[in-house]
Amino acid sequence: MKLTSLHKQLGFENGRVCNFKEYSSNFDIKMLSLVINCDKHKERLRAFEKTAKEAKLKFYRNICVNGAEYSSKLIYNAYMKKLVKNTSFINPIEVSISVSHINCWLKILNSPYDYGFICEDDIIFRPNIIKNINLILNTLKEEKKDFDILYLWNGNWNSTKSSLKKVLTINKDLIIKQETRDFIAGTVSYIISRSMIEKLLKKVFPIRDPIDNFIGEFYKAKIYTVYTKYDKKLEKDKSPLFLPGMWDDKSFYDDEDEDEDED
């Protein structure tokens, strides 16, 4: 992706990562691991680094773009150059979130690996997350189940849980399913392929929707998700990879099959 001066004013970066190998050995399948964190969220970063260290995960910090610093003139210029579209769904903050994720995608493209791992900074890892992600990735590979995106957490904001198609059951806690219609998973934690990034970059401009809505339009690709079951005590879904916390308190599920019995 060729960056113009306007791209740079919006916060787009060239995608280079120094010492990328340091952040690419978390799993059996090598991939660049990135966390999106804003400069103002220092406490969030400290909490993230603590839980990542306990899980023995290493991440490259991708500094988020601050949409609050966008001027009206900058947004207007982006609109005129067809980088942003004027819709009721988009605002400067959503544009900056999109830019932050696209910057991660560009870094993954500049790595020598087929996949990249992206997290937002409020996630809380379970100590055994490396073991379980390795089990997921290795099983998918053994079963020849290629994927474009693997959501490690799916917020189910478009209530597509009842439409998920089973891909495989690894064990009672690790079940992989596939999106089959327009979905909004959020962008808390996901693994994305190089080929999917290339596909998204061809369609992302002008930015017209929040980034998770935009990705959800590509439901016909191989979009897998780690299935989560509703926990009545927690009153929300319980992840086998992440500990519950403030980060998932706003997730809601309207489907009727949250307590469905898995074979």
Protein backbone atom coordinates (compact mmCIF):
# COMPACT_ATOMS: atom_id res chain seq x y z
CA MET A 1 0.00 0.00 0.00
CA LYS A 2 1.51 3.30 -1.14
CA LEU A 3 1.26 6.01 1.53
CA THR A 4 0.62 9.61 0.55
CA SER A 5 1.14 12.63 2.82
CA LEU A 6 -2.59 12.51 3.59
CA HIS A 7 -2.34 8.86 4.67
CA LYS A 8 0.47 9.85 7.03
CA GLN A 9 -1.53 12.75 8.47
CA LEU A 10 -4.28 10.23 9.27
CA GLY A 11 -1.73 8.10 11.12
CA PHE A 12 -0.94 5.39 8.58
CA GLU A 13 2.54 3.88 8.98
CA ASN A 14 4.93 2.14 6.60
CA GLY A 15 4.56 -1.20 8.36
CA ARG A 16 8.16 -1.81 9.40
CA VAL A 17 8.91 -3.62 12.68
CA CYS A 18 12.43 -3.77 14.08
CA ASN A 19 13.36 -7.12 15.61
CA PHE A 20 10.12 -8.70 14.41
CA LYS A 21 11.46 -12.16 15.26
CA GLU A 22 11.30 -11.25 18.95
CA TYR A 23 7.51 -11.00 18.68
CA SER A 24 6.91 -13.93 16.34
CA SER A 25 7.68 -17.04 18.40
CA ASN A 26 4.70 -17.26 20.74
CA PHE A 27 3.26 -20.29 18.95
CA ASP A 28 4.40 -23.36 17.04
CA ILE A 29 3.33 -21.59 13.85
CA LYS A 30 5.38 -18.41 13.71
CA MET A 31 3.46 -15.16 13.35
CA LEU A 32 3.93 -11.54 14.33
CA SER A 33 2.00 -10.70 17.52
CA LEU A 34 0.80 -7.14 18.04
CA VAL A 35 -1.13 -5.26 20.72
CA ILE A 36 -2.90 -1.98 19.99
CA ASN A 37 -2.39 0.52 22.80
CA CYS A 38 -2.80 4.30 23.00
CA ASP A 39 -0.18 6.50 24.66
CA LYS A 40 -2.77 7.81 27.13
CA HIS A 41 -3.64 4.28 28.30
CA LYS A 42 -0.52 3.65 30.36
CA GLU A 43 -2.32 1.72 33.08
CA ARG A 44 -3.97 -0.51 30.50
CA LEU A 45 -0.56 -1.26 29.02
CA ARG A 46 0.87 -2.16 32.43
CA ALA A 47 -2.06 -4.51 33.09
CA PHE A 48 -1.74 -6.05 29.62
CA GLU A 49 2.01 -6.57 29.97
CA LYS A 50 1.45 -8.26 33.33
CA THR A 51 -1.09 -10.77 32.02
CA ALA A 52 0.96 -11.34 28.84
CA LYS A 53 4.11 -11.99 30.89
CA GLU A 54 2.27 -14.48 33.08
CA ALA A 55 1.14 -16.29 29.91
CA LYS A 56 4.70 -16.03 28.49
CA LEU A 57 3.52 -14.04 25.47
CA LYS A 58 5.55 -11.33 23.74
CA PHE A 59 3.88 -8.55 21.76
CA TYR A 60 4.99 -5.66 19.61
CA ARG A 61 3.22 -2.52 20.79
CA ASN A 62 1.36 -0.86 17.93
CA ILE A 63 0.61 2.68 19.10
CA CYS A 64 -3.01 3.49 18.35
CA VAL A 65 -4.03 6.50 16.32
CA ASN A 66 -5.86 9.17 18.35
CA GLY A 67 -8.95 10.18 16.41
CA ALA A 68 -9.65 13.00 18.87
CA GLU A 69 -6.71 14.84 17.32
CA TYR A 70 -8.15 14.76 13.81
CA SER A 71 -9.16 18.21 12.60
CA SER A 72 -12.32 18.85 10.59
CA LYS A 73 -10.12 19.94 7.70
CA LEU A 74 -8.19 16.65 7.77
CA ILE A 75 -11.41 14.59 7.71
CA TYR A 76 -12.74 16.77 4.88
CA ASN A 77 -9.54 16.26 2.87
CA ALA A 78 -9.76 12.51 3.49
CA TYR A 79 -13.35 12.59 2.26
CA MET A 80 -12.39 14.51 -0.87
CA LYS A 81 -9.59 12.01 -1.62
CA LYS A 82 -12.02 9.10 -1.10
CA LEU A 83 -10.17 7.73 1.92
CA VAL A 84 -13.26 8.22 4.11
CA LYS A 85 -16.93 8.11 3.18
CA ASN A 86 -19.57 10.28 4.86
CA THR A 87 -21.95 7.79 6.47
CA SER A 88 -23.98 7.71 9.67
CA PHE A 89 -21.82 4.83 10.90
CA ILE A 90 -18.43 6.53 10.77
CA ASN A 91 -16.80 9.24 12.92
CA PRO A 92 -13.20 10.34 13.62
CA ILE A 93 -12.77 7.79 16.43
CA GLU A 94 -13.95 4.91 14.26
CA VAL A 95 -11.66 6.11 11.45
CA SER A 96 -8.69 6.10 13.83
CA ILE A 97 -9.55 2.61 15.09
CA SER A 98 -9.64 1.43 11.48
CA VAL A 99 -6.26 3.06 10.81
CA SER A 100 -4.79 1.38 13.92
CA HIS A 101 -5.85 -2.07 12.73
CA ILE A 102 -4.75 -1.40 9.16
CA ASN A 103 -1.33 -0.41 10.53
CA CYS A 104 -1.16 -3.83 12.20
CA TRP A 105 -2.12 -5.50 8.92
CA LEU A 106 0.65 -3.65 7.08
CA LYS A 107 3.19 -4.83 9.67
CA ILE A 108 2.02 -8.41 9.19
CA LEU A 109 2.41 -8.04 5.43
CA ASN A 110 5.97 -6.85 6.00
CA SER A 111 6.75 -9.95 8.07
CA PRO A 112 7.78 -13.23 6.40
CA TYR A 113 4.85 -15.12 7.93
CA ASP A 114 1.48 -16.26 6.63
CA TYR A 115 -0.46 -15.10 9.69
CA GLY A 116 -0.50 -12.37 12.33
CA PHE A 117 -1.98 -12.18 15.82
CA ILE A 118 -3.68 -8.92 16.90
CA CYS A 119 -4.99 -8.02 20.34
CA GLU A 120 -6.48 -4.94 21.93
CA ASP A 121 -4.95 -3.89 25.24
CA ASP A 122 -7.78 -4.66 27.68
CA ILE A 123 -7.78 -8.44 27.19
CA ILE A 124 -6.84 -10.77 30.06
CA PHE A 125 -5.07 -14.00 29.07
CA ARG A 126 -5.53 -17.34 30.76
CA PRO A 127 -2.12 -18.76 31.79
CA ASN A 128 -2.52 -21.76 29.44
CA ILE A 129 -3.44 -19.73 26.35
CA ILE A 130 -0.28 -20.68 24.42
CA LYS A 131 -0.99 -24.39 24.91
CA ASN A 132 -4.58 -23.99 23.74
CA ILE A 133 -3.82 -21.78 20.74
CA ASN A 134 -1.12 -24.24 19.65
CA LEU A 135 -3.65 -27.04 20.00
CA ILE A 136 -6.17 -25.11 17.90
CA LEU A 137 -3.70 -24.14 15.17
CA ASN A 138 -2.04 -27.54 14.96
CA THR A 139 -5.38 -29.36 14.84
CA LEU A 140 -6.68 -27.07 12.11
CA LYS A 141 -3.50 -27.72 10.15
CA GLU A 142 -3.71 -31.49 10.63
CA GLU A 143 -7.36 -31.48 9.56
CA LYS A 144 -6.47 -29.27 6.56
CA LYS A 145 -8.85 -26.56 7.71
CA ASP A 146 -7.34 -23.39 6.31
CA PHE A 147 -8.79 -20.12 7.57
CA ASP A 148 -8.75 -16.45 6.65
CA ILE A 149 -9.50 -15.14 10.14
CA LEU A 150 -9.68 -17.00 13.43
CA TYR A 151 -11.47 -15.00 16.12
CA LEU A 152 -10.14 -15.96 19.52
CA TRP A 153 -12.94 -13.89 21.01
CA ASN A 154 -16.18 -13.15 19.22
CA GLY A 155 -18.40 -10.44 20.72
CA ASN A 156 -21.37 -11.57 18.60
CA TRP A 157 -22.63 -8.00 18.21
CA ASN A 158 -24.79 -8.96 15.22
CA SER A 159 -26.32 -12.00 16.97
CA THR A 160 -24.98 -14.58 14.53
CA LYS A 161 -24.20 -17.24 17.11
CA SER A 162 -27.14 -19.43 16.12
CA SER A 163 -25.98 -19.29 12.48
CA LEU A 164 -22.47 -20.58 13.16
CA LYS A 165 -21.47 -23.78 11.36
CA LYS A 166 -19.35 -26.31 13.21
CA VAL A 167 -15.87 -26.81 11.78
CA LEU A 168 -14.41 -29.19 14.34
CA THR A 169 -14.45 -30.12 18.00
CA ILE A 170 -10.98 -30.37 19.55
CA ASN A 171 -12.15 -31.07 23.09
CA LYS A 172 -15.04 -30.06 25.35
CA ASP A 173 -13.64 -26.53 25.74
CA LEU A 174 -12.19 -25.88 22.29
CA ILE A 175 -14.80 -25.89 19.56
CA ILE A 176 -14.27 -24.11 16.26
CA LYS A 177 -17.19 -22.76 14.26
CA GLN A 178 -17.58 -20.68 11.12
CA GLU A 179 -19.56 -17.50 10.43
CA THR A 180 -22.17 -17.90 7.69
CA ARG A 181 -23.72 -14.42 7.42
CA ASP A 182 -22.94 -10.75 8.10
CA PHE A 183 -21.31 -10.68 11.52
CA ILE A 184 -19.75 -8.23 13.97
CA ALA A 185 -17.20 -10.05 16.13
CA GLY A 186 -15.36 -7.01 17.45
CA THR A 187 -11.58 -6.83 17.20
CA VAL A 188 -10.48 -7.79 20.70
CA SER A 189 -8.30 -10.72 19.60
CA TYR A 190 -7.92 -12.41 16.23
CA ILE A 191 -5.47 -14.23 13.97
CA ILE A 192 -5.56 -13.10 10.35
CA SER A 193 -3.94 -14.49 7.22
CA ARG A 194 -1.74 -12.56 4.83
CA SER A 195 -4.10 -13.35 1.94
CA MET A 196 -7.10 -12.02 3.89
CA ILE A 197 -5.27 -8.78 4.68
CA GLU A 198 -4.57 -8.32 0.97
CA LYS A 199 -8.23 -8.92 0.21
CA LEU A 200 -9.40 -6.44 2.87
CA LEU A 201 -6.99 -3.73 1.76
CA LYS A 202 -8.44 -3.84 -1.74
CA LYS A 203 -11.89 -2.96 -0.36
CA VAL A 204 -11.31 -0.91 2.80
CA PHE A 205 -11.22 2.54 1.15
CA PRO A 206 -13.13 4.71 1.47
CA ILE A 207 -13.52 3.86 5.16
CA ARG A 208 -17.29 3.81 5.61
CA ASP A 209 -17.96 1.56 8.61
CA PRO A 210 -16.33 0.63 11.90
CA ILE A 211 -13.56 -1.86 11.11
CA ASP A 212 -15.33 -4.84 12.72
CA ASN A 213 -18.49 -4.12 10.69
CA PHE A 214 -16.39 -3.91 7.53
CA ILE A 215 -14.69 -7.26 8.18
CA GLY A 216 -18.09 -8.80 8.86
CA GLU A 217 -19.09 -8.20 5.25
CA PHE A 218 -16.58 -10.91 4.26
CA TYR A 219 -18.54 -13.75 5.85
CA LYS A 220 -18.17 -15.84 2.68
CA ALA A 221 -14.45 -16.15 3.43
CA LYS A 222 -13.27 -18.78 5.91
CA ILE A 223 -14.05 -16.89 9.11
CA TYR A 224 -13.58 -19.19 12.08
CA THR A 225 -14.28 -18.46 15.72
CA VAL A 226 -13.45 -20.14 19.00
CA TYR A 227 -16.92 -20.95 20.24
CA THR A 228 -17.84 -19.74 23.71
CA LYS A 229 -20.62 -21.08 25.91
CA TYR A 230 -22.87 -18.99 28.12
CA ASP A 231 -22.01 -19.17 31.81
CA LYS A 232 -25.07 -18.56 33.99
CA LYS A 233 -22.97 -17.62 37.01
CA LEU A 234 -20.96 -15.04 35.08
CA GLU A 235 -24.06 -14.03 33.10
CA LYS A 236 -21.97 -13.90 29.92
CA ASP A 237 -19.98 -16.20 27.69
CA LYS A 238 -16.92 -17.86 29.20
CA SER A 239 -13.80 -18.05 27.06
CA PRO A 240 -11.34 -20.96 27.24
CA LEU A 241 -8.56 -18.50 26.28
CA PHE A 242 -9.29 -15.33 28.24
CA LEU A 243 -10.30 -14.50 31.80
CA PRO A 244 -13.54 -12.53 32.25
CA GLY A 245 -13.23 -8.87 33.14
CA MET A 246 -14.36 -5.38 32.22
CA TRP A 247 -13.30 -5.98 28.62
CA ASP A 248 -16.18 -8.39 27.94
CA ASP A 249 -18.87 -6.94 30.22
CA LYS A 250 -20.68 -5.14 27.40
CA SER A 251 -20.96 -8.20 25.16
CA PHE A 252 -24.50 -9.43 24.74
CA TYR A 253 -26.08 -12.38 23.06
CA ASP A 254 -29.64 -12.36 21.81
CA ASP A 255 -29.67 -15.83 20.31
CA GLU A 256 -31.87 -18.46 21.83
CA ASP A 257 -29.37 -21.28 21.60
CA GLU A 258 -26.69 -20.07 24.03
CA ASP A 259 -27.08 -23.14 26.18
CA GLU A 260 -27.16 -25.59 23.30
CA ASP A 261 -25.53 -28.91 24.05
CA GLU A 262 -22.38 -29.50 22.05
CA ASP A 263 -21.71 -32.97 20.73
